[in-house]
C-alpha atoms as a PDB file:
ATOM      1  CA  UNK A   1      11.207 170.393  28.254  1.00  0.00           C
ATOM      2  CA  UNK A   2       9.978 167.509  26.129  1.00  0.00           C
ATOM      3  CA  UNK A   3       6.295 167.140  25.449  1.00  0.00           C
ATOM      4  CA  UNK A   4       4.578 163.808  25.514  1.00  0.00           C
ATOM      5  CA  UNK A   5       2.878 162.699  22.304  1.00  0.00           C
ATOM      6  CA  UNK A   6      -0.878 162.289  22.226  1.00  0.00           C
ATOM      7  CA  UNK A   7      -1.845 158.643  22.601  1.00  0.00           C
ATOM      8  CA  UNK A   8      -2.616 156.717  19.490  1.00  0.00           C
ATOM      9  CA  UNK A   9      -6.251 155.578  19.188  1.00  0.00           C
ATOM     10  CA  UNK A  10      -5.346 152.033  20.276  1.00  0.00           C
ATOM     11  CA  UNK A  11      -3.579 153.411  23.372  1.00  0.00           C
ATOM     12  CA  UNK A  12      -6.593 155.569  24.182  1.00  0.00           C
ATOM     13  CA  UNK A  13      -8.855 152.497  24.013  1.00  0.00           C
ATOM     14  CA  UNK A  14      -6.514 150.613  26.345  1.00  0.00           C
ATOM     15  CA  UNK A  15      -6.469 153.482  28.838  1.00  0.00           C
ATOM     16  CA  UNK A  16     -10.267 153.772  28.695  1.00  0.00           C
ATOM     17  CA  UNK A  17     -10.686 150.025  29.253  1.00  0.00           C
ATOM     18  CA  UNK A  18      -8.197 150.106  32.116  1.00  0.00           C
ATOM     19  CA  UNK A  19     -10.105 152.958  33.750  1.00  0.00           C
ATOM     20  CA  UNK A  20     -13.367 151.003  33.448  1.00  0.00           C
ATOM     21  CA  UNK A  21     -11.702 147.959  35.010  1.00  0.00           C
ATOM     22  CA  UNK A  22     -10.298 150.024  37.902  1.00  0.00           C
ATOM     23  CA  UNK A  23     -13.722 151.523  38.656  1.00  0.00           C
ATOM     24  CA  UNK A  24     -15.386 148.101  38.609  1.00  0.00           C
ATOM     25  CA  UNK A  25     -12.750 146.411  40.756  1.00  0.00           C
ATOM     26  CA  UNK A  26     -12.874 149.263  43.287  1.00  0.00           C
ATOM     27  CA  UNK A  27     -16.556 148.502  43.896  1.00  0.00           C
ATOM     28  CA  UNK A  28     -15.965 144.799  44.482  1.00  0.00           C
ATOM     29  CA  UNK A  29     -15.274 143.818  48.094  1.00  0.00           C
ATOM     30  CA  UNK A  30     -12.026 142.027  48.856  1.00  0.00           C
ATOM     31  CA  UNK A  31     -12.509 138.256  49.102  1.00  0.00           C
ATOM     32  CA  UNK A  32     -12.947 137.358  52.779  1.00  0.00           C
ATOM     33  CA  UNK A  33     -10.735 134.276  52.468  1.00  0.00           C
ATOM     34  CA  UNK A  34      -7.871 136.199  50.895  1.00  0.00           C
ATOM     35  CA  UNK A  35      -6.145 137.350  54.070  1.00  0.00           C
ATOM     36  CA  UNK A  36      -5.508 133.760  55.170  1.00  0.00           C
ATOM     37  CA  UNK A  37      -5.414 132.035  51.802  1.00  0.00           C
ATOM     38  CA  UNK A  38      -2.796 134.127  49.978  1.00  0.00           C
ATOM     39  CA  UNK A  39       0.057 133.531  52.480  1.00  0.00           C
ATOM     40  CA  UNK A  40      -0.723 129.792  52.600  1.00  0.00           C
ATOM     41  CA  UNK A  41      -0.804 129.556  48.806  1.00  0.00           C
ATOM     42  CA  UNK A  42       2.469 131.494  48.513  1.00  0.00           C
ATOM     43  CA  UNK A  43       4.195 129.088  50.929  1.00  0.00           C
ATOM     44  CA  UNK A  44       2.939 126.110  48.947  1.00  0.00           C
ATOM     45  CA  UNK A  45       3.964 127.647  45.632  1.00  0.00           C
ATOM     46  CA  UNK A  46       7.484 128.407  46.928  1.00  0.00           C
ATOM     47  CA  UNK A  47       7.827 124.862  48.275  1.00  0.00           C
ATOM     48  CA  UNK A  48       6.840 123.481  44.870  1.00  0.00           C
ATOM     49  CA  UNK A  49       9.108 125.832  42.902  1.00  0.00           C
ATOM     50  CA  UNK A  50       6.240 127.876  41.458  1.00  0.00           C
ATOM     51  CA  UNK A  51       6.571 131.681  41.382  1.00  0.00           C
ATOM     52  CA  UNK A  52       4.585 132.890  44.419  1.00  0.00           C
ATOM     53  CA  UNK A  53       3.131 135.777  42.412  1.00  0.00           C
ATOM     54  CA  UNK A  54       1.032 133.230  40.533  1.00  0.00           C
ATOM     55  CA  UNK A  55      -1.277 132.989  43.540  1.00  0.00           C
ATOM     56  CA  UNK A  56      -2.963 136.134  42.232  1.00  0.00           C
ATOM     57  CA  UNK A  57      -4.309 134.078  39.339  1.00  0.00           C
ATOM     58  CA  UNK A  58      -6.740 132.595  41.875  1.00  0.00           C
ATOM     59  CA  UNK A  59      -8.058 136.086  42.605  1.00  0.00           C
ATOM     60  CA  UNK A  60      -8.471 136.767  38.913  1.00  0.00           C
ATOM     61  CA  UNK A  61      -9.976 133.389  38.041  1.00  0.00           C
ATOM     62  CA  UNK A  62     -12.282 132.770  41.014  1.00  0.00           C
ATOM     63  CA  UNK A  63     -12.149 135.767  43.376  1.00  0.00           C
ATOM     64  CA  UNK A  64     -10.484 133.318  45.788  1.00  0.00           C
ATOM     65  CA  UNK A  65     -13.617 131.207  45.940  1.00  0.00           C
ATOM     66  CA  UNK A  66     -12.587 127.533  46.126  1.00  0.00           C
ATOM     67  CA  UNK A  67     -16.140 126.531  45.189  1.00  0.00           C
ATOM     68  CA  UNK A  68     -16.250 128.683  42.035  1.00  0.00           C
ATOM     69  CA  UNK A  69     -17.648 127.006  38.941  1.00  0.00           C
ATOM     70  CA  UNK A  70     -17.826 128.591  35.507  1.00  0.00           C
ATOM     71  CA  UNK A  71     -20.614 127.997  32.989  1.00  0.00           C
ATOM     72  CA  UNK A  72     -18.106 126.005  30.909  1.00  0.00           C
ATOM     73  CA  UNK A  73     -17.369 123.628  33.806  1.00  0.00           C
ATOM     74  CA  UNK A  74     -14.060 125.025  35.053  1.00  0.00           C
ATOM     75  CA  UNK A  75     -13.885 124.692  38.833  1.00  0.00           C
ATOM     76  CA  UNK A  76     -11.909 125.737  41.878  1.00  0.00           C
ATOM     77  CA  UNK A  77      -9.561 128.558  42.734  1.00  0.00           C
ATOM     78  CA  UNK A  78      -7.656 128.417  39.465  1.00  0.00           C
ATOM     79  CA  UNK A  79     -10.613 127.419  37.281  1.00  0.00           C
ATOM     80  CA  UNK A  80      -9.184 124.233  35.827  1.00  0.00           C
ATOM     81  CA  UNK A  81     -11.358 122.127  33.596  1.00  0.00           C
ATOM     82  CA  UNK A  82     -11.718 118.693  35.253  1.00  0.00           C
ATOM     83  CA  UNK A  83      -9.995 116.807  32.400  1.00  0.00           C
ATOM     84  CA  UNK A  84      -7.083 119.267  32.377  1.00  0.00           C
ATOM     85  CA  UNK A  85      -6.651 118.959  36.126  1.00  0.00           C
ATOM     86  CA  UNK A  86      -6.698 115.168  35.884  1.00  0.00           C
ATOM     87  CA  UNK A  87      -4.120 115.189  33.061  1.00  0.00           C
ATOM     88  CA  UNK A  88      -1.702 117.122  35.280  1.00  0.00           C
ATOM     89  CA  UNK A  89      -2.437 115.113  38.412  1.00  0.00           C
ATOM     90  CA  UNK A  90      -4.314 117.958  40.082  1.00  0.00           C
ATOM     91  CA  UNK A  91      -7.508 117.997  42.090  1.00  0.00           C
ATOM     92  CA  UNK A  92     -10.087 120.700  41.470  1.00  0.00           C
ATOM     93  CA  UNK A  93     -11.012 121.454  45.079  1.00  0.00           C
ATOM     94  CA  UNK A  94      -9.772 121.310  48.636  1.00  0.00           C
ATOM     95  CA  UNK A  95      -9.110 117.800  49.847  1.00  0.00           C
END
């Protein structure tokens, strides 16, 4: 039976950080809009040829809050900066 090596210090730090993240995320309630928003976003992404898994970036970036605004000025579900959104022909909120 093979034995697993002890993790290197960098691996141990990663595992520790991951455990901290899991504990923190477990305490956070699920976004109330998520149940309806995720399927709608996935349909739109598929229709536009975007991998549907990318919808989870909205959860990461804004906790699925379409009114989210960062201190740096990024706004919306995916936290685009207004100039970046404009450059790509995007709007930074629901229309």
